[in-house]
Amino acid sequence: MVDPVRSRERMVREQIEARGVSNPAVLDAMRSLPRHLFVEEAFACKAYSDGPLPIGEGQTISQPFIVARMSELLQVEPGMTVLEIGTGSGYQAAVLAHMGVDVYTVERIRNLFFAARKRFMDMRLFSVKLKLDDGTMGWPEHAPYDRIIVTAGGPEVPEPLLEQLADPGRMVIPVGDSKRVQRLVLLEKAGGQVIRSEHGDVAFVDLVGQHGW
């Protein structure tokens, strides 16, 4: 049987710190959370491997390094509110919640929504709120958000999400002209202006909705 504690330590050391992620809160969250509880039982033995894994419905749980990299780019601080688009397994939201923020997460696939909600309840992650809806429209009732993270790749930045981002605020989203191949984009809003920077190639499942594919 795989020792999950040792597996988490090795994952952080060899996959995350070795690639340059250094934010202490991100590293602590990745060391602490039982990633194997966020995947299907058949894949639990691979939960700490260096890559994405299927979670059903044609969706995946992201590679540990990508979760850590996106979390670090957000630069969250305790007490902030974060909007996540694409709940998936719930792992990314759990990482952010562990870092002391309130997470509002939107999932469009019913089965994944209910599975993630059960995980959050079982783990007593009460700072995570879920909604079943088109994530490209955001969750305007609780806007503005200090940070927004999108865990699916679309052809453009959805305008409703940018409107729901606080000023100042930061958004991380995979964007690309072709499906499954994107650039990791950071949008920094300040003083009514938005600065865009790119942070490497990524491959995410499709962002589907009114402002996606």
Protein backbone atom coordinates (compact mmCIF):
# COMPACT_ATOMS: atom_id res chain seq x y z
CA MET A 1 0.00 0.00 0.00
CA VAL A 2 1.23 3.49 -0.88
CA ASP A 3 1.97 5.71 2.11
CA PRO A 4 0.04 8.93 1.30
CA VAL A 5 2.08 11.12 3.66
CA ARG A 6 5.40 10.07 2.14
CA SER A 7 3.86 10.29 -1.33
CA ARG A 8 2.77 13.89 -0.71
CA GLU A 9 6.21 14.85 0.59
CA ARG A 10 7.89 13.31 -2.43
CA MET A 11 5.38 14.92 -4.80
CA VAL A 12 6.07 18.38 -3.37
CA ARG A 13 9.83 17.90 -3.31
CA GLU A 14 10.33 16.32 -6.75
CA GLN A 15 7.46 17.71 -8.82
CA ILE A 16 6.74 21.13 -7.37
CA GLU A 17 9.69 22.63 -5.50
CA ALA A 18 12.11 21.22 -8.08
CA ARG A 19 10.26 23.19 -10.79
CA GLY A 20 10.48 26.49 -8.97
CA VAL A 21 7.26 26.82 -6.96
CA SER A 22 8.27 28.29 -3.60
CA ASN A 23 5.19 29.88 -2.01
CA PRO A 24 5.08 28.38 1.52
CA ALA A 25 1.27 28.38 1.72
CA VAL A 26 0.99 26.52 -1.61
CA LEU A 27 3.58 23.94 -0.58
CA ASP A 28 1.89 23.41 2.79
CA ALA A 29 -1.50 22.89 1.16
CA MET A 30 -0.09 20.37 -1.32
CA ARG A 31 1.68 18.50 1.49
CA SER A 32 -1.42 18.44 3.67
CA LEU A 33 -4.28 17.49 1.36
CA PRO A 34 -4.98 13.79 0.62
CA ARG A 35 -4.98 13.98 -3.18
CA HIS A 36 -5.87 10.28 -3.42
CA LEU A 37 -9.35 11.10 -2.06
CA PHE A 38 -10.03 13.33 -5.07
CA VAL A 39 -9.61 10.64 -7.73
CA GLU A 40 -11.56 7.52 -8.61
CA GLU A 41 -10.65 4.56 -6.41
CA ALA A 42 -9.09 2.70 -9.35
CA PHE A 43 -6.56 5.53 -9.77
CA ALA A 44 -5.80 6.17 -6.09
CA CYS A 45 -2.43 4.44 -6.39
CA LYS A 46 -1.44 6.99 -9.07
CA ALA A 47 -2.81 10.05 -7.31
CA TYR A 48 0.64 11.47 -6.54
CA SER A 49 2.16 10.74 -9.94
CA ASP A 50 3.48 13.49 -12.21
CA GLY A 51 0.50 13.97 -14.50
CA PRO A 52 -3.27 14.46 -14.81
CA LEU A 53 -5.72 11.65 -14.10
CA PRO A 54 -9.27 10.97 -15.33
CA ILE A 55 -12.11 11.72 -12.93
CA GLY A 56 -15.00 10.68 -15.18
CA GLU A 57 -17.25 12.52 -17.63
CA GLY A 58 -14.24 13.13 -19.88
CA GLN A 59 -12.64 15.42 -17.28
CA THR A 60 -9.34 15.25 -15.39
CA ILE A 61 -7.66 16.26 -12.16
CA SER A 62 -4.72 18.47 -13.12
CA GLN A 63 -1.07 17.54 -12.76
CA PRO A 64 0.13 18.46 -9.23
CA PHE A 65 2.67 20.97 -10.57
CA ILE A 66 0.00 22.80 -12.58
CA VAL A 67 -2.25 23.06 -9.51
CA ALA A 68 0.66 24.48 -7.51
CA ARG A 69 1.78 26.83 -10.30
CA MET A 70 -1.67 28.31 -10.82
CA SER A 71 -2.16 28.67 -7.06
CA GLU A 72 1.14 30.52 -6.76
CA LEU A 73 0.35 32.86 -9.67
CA LEU A 74 -2.88 33.89 -7.93
CA GLN A 75 -0.94 35.26 -4.94
CA VAL A 76 -3.87 34.75 -2.57
CA GLU A 77 -3.90 36.00 0.98
CA PRO A 78 -6.05 34.75 3.87
CA GLY A 79 -9.50 36.28 3.91
CA MET A 80 -9.72 36.85 0.15
CA THR A 81 -12.60 35.61 -2.00
CA VAL A 82 -11.74 33.43 -4.99
CA LEU A 83 -13.96 32.37 -7.89
CA GLU A 84 -13.04 29.05 -9.46
CA ILE A 85 -14.47 27.98 -12.82
CA GLY A 86 -14.41 24.21 -13.29
CA THR A 87 -14.71 22.47 -9.92
CA GLY A 88 -13.86 19.06 -11.35
CA SER A 89 -12.72 16.78 -8.56
CA GLY A 90 -12.57 19.69 -6.12
CA TYR A 91 -8.82 19.41 -5.52
CA GLN A 92 -7.87 22.90 -6.71
CA ALA A 93 -10.62 24.47 -4.61
CA ALA A 94 -9.48 22.47 -1.59
CA VAL A 95 -5.89 23.69 -2.05
CA LEU A 96 -7.08 27.30 -2.11
CA ALA A 97 -9.38 26.78 0.88
CA HIS A 98 -6.44 25.35 2.82
CA MET A 99 -4.65 28.63 2.09
CA GLY A 100 -7.30 30.53 4.04
CA VAL A 101 -9.57 31.96 1.35
CA ASP A 102 -13.30 31.68 0.66
CA VAL A 103 -13.83 29.78 -2.58
CA TYR A 104 -16.87 30.05 -4.84
CA THR A 105 -16.62 27.29 -7.43
CA VAL A 106 -18.81 26.59 -10.46
CA GLU A 107 -19.14 23.20 -12.19
CA ARG A 108 -21.32 22.52 -15.24
CA ILE A 109 -21.37 18.69 -15.05
CA ARG A 110 -23.95 17.41 -12.59
CA ASN A 111 -22.19 14.18 -11.52
CA LEU A 112 -18.92 15.99 -10.82
CA PHE A 113 -20.76 18.73 -8.93
CA PHE A 114 -22.41 16.29 -6.51
CA ALA A 115 -19.23 14.22 -6.08
CA ALA A 116 -17.19 17.31 -5.24
CA ARG A 117 -19.85 18.60 -2.86
CA LYS A 118 -19.73 15.31 -0.95
CA ARG A 119 -15.93 15.47 -0.72
CA PHE A 120 -16.07 19.00 0.67
CA MET A 121 -18.67 17.98 3.24
CA ASP A 122 -16.72 14.89 4.28
CA MET A 123 -13.57 16.99 4.67
CA ARG A 124 -15.48 19.80 6.44
CA LEU A 125 -14.29 22.40 3.94
CA PHE A 126 -17.07 24.83 4.74
CA SER A 127 -15.28 27.78 3.15
CA VAL A 128 -16.01 26.29 -0.30
CA LYS A 129 -19.38 27.14 -1.88
CA LEU A 130 -20.55 25.33 -5.04
CA LYS A 131 -22.85 26.14 -7.92
CA LEU A 132 -24.06 23.98 -10.82
CA ASP A 133 -24.06 26.28 -13.86
CA ASP A 134 -22.26 27.63 -16.91
CA GLY A 135 -18.94 28.73 -15.46
CA THR A 136 -18.17 31.16 -18.28
CA MET A 137 -20.90 33.38 -16.83
CA GLY A 138 -19.20 33.40 -13.42
CA TRP A 139 -21.16 33.82 -10.18
CA PRO A 140 -22.18 37.49 -10.19
CA GLU A 141 -24.14 37.35 -6.93
CA HIS A 142 -20.90 37.27 -4.91
CA ALA A 143 -18.75 39.51 -7.11
CA PRO A 144 -16.33 41.19 -7.11
CA TYR A 145 -13.71 38.51 -6.46
CA ASP A 146 -10.16 39.22 -5.35
CA ARG A 147 -8.96 36.34 -7.48
CA ILE A 148 -10.39 34.20 -10.29
CA ILE A 149 -8.99 30.87 -11.49
CA VAL A 150 -10.24 28.93 -14.51
CA THR A 151 -9.32 25.25 -14.71
CA ALA A 152 -10.41 24.62 -18.30
CA GLY A 153 -9.10 26.02 -21.58
CA GLY A 154 -11.11 28.33 -23.79
CA PRO A 155 -10.55 30.39 -26.94
CA GLU A 156 -10.70 33.72 -25.10
CA VAL A 157 -11.04 35.32 -21.69
CA PRO A 158 -14.78 35.34 -20.84
CA GLU A 159 -15.87 38.96 -20.47
CA PRO A 160 -18.26 38.21 -17.56
CA LEU A 161 -15.34 36.87 -15.54
CA LEU A 162 -13.20 39.92 -16.18
CA GLU A 163 -16.12 42.12 -15.12
CA GLN A 164 -16.44 40.15 -11.86
CA LEU A 165 -12.74 40.52 -11.02
CA ALA A 166 -12.03 43.10 -8.33
CA ASP A 167 -9.75 46.09 -8.93
CA PRO A 168 -7.06 45.33 -7.92
CA GLY A 169 -7.34 41.64 -8.72
CA ARG A 170 -5.69 38.71 -10.48
CA MET A 171 -7.06 36.04 -12.82
CA VAL A 172 -5.33 32.89 -14.08
CA ILE A 173 -6.80 31.13 -17.12
CA PRO A 174 -5.63 28.79 -19.92
CA VAL A 175 -6.32 30.41 -23.32
CA GLY A 176 -5.69 29.02 -26.80
CA ASP A 177 -6.99 29.00 -30.37
CA SER A 178 -7.11 25.21 -30.47
CA LYS A 179 -8.72 22.81 -28.03
CA ARG A 180 -6.50 21.06 -25.45
CA VAL A 181 -3.49 23.32 -26.22
CA GLN A 182 -3.30 26.67 -24.43
CA ARG A 183 -1.05 29.29 -22.88
CA LEU A 184 -1.36 29.92 -19.15
CA VAL A 185 -2.44 33.55 -18.95
CA LEU A 186 -2.26 35.87 -15.95
CA LEU A 187 -4.47 38.97 -15.99
CA GLU A 188 -3.71 41.69 -13.44
CA LYS A 189 -6.35 44.39 -13.01
CA ALA A 190 -5.34 47.66 -11.36
CA GLY A 191 -6.57 51.21 -11.74
CA GLY A 192 -9.04 50.23 -14.42
CA GLN A 193 -6.27 48.73 -16.57
CA VAL A 194 -5.59 45.05 -17.30
CA ILE A 195 -2.07 43.75 -17.83
CA ARG A 196 -1.74 40.36 -19.53
CA SER A 197 1.25 38.03 -19.26
CA GLU A 198 1.81 34.42 -20.37
CA HIS A 199 3.40 31.68 -18.28
CA GLY A 200 4.01 28.64 -20.44
CA ASP A 201 2.14 26.01 -22.42
CA VAL A 202 -0.58 23.93 -20.77
CA ALA A 203 -3.17 21.38 -21.85
CA PHE A 204 -6.58 21.57 -20.19
CA VAL A 205 -9.99 20.09 -20.93
CA ASP A 206 -12.33 22.38 -22.85
CA LEU A 207 -14.01 25.38 -21.27
CA VAL A 208 -17.59 24.87 -22.46
CA GLY A 209 -20.28 27.53 -22.19
CA GLN A 210 -21.70 30.72 -23.61
CA HIS A 211 -18.26 32.39 -23.53
CA GLY A 212 -16.18 29.25 -24.20
CA TRP A 213 -16.15 26.47 -26.77
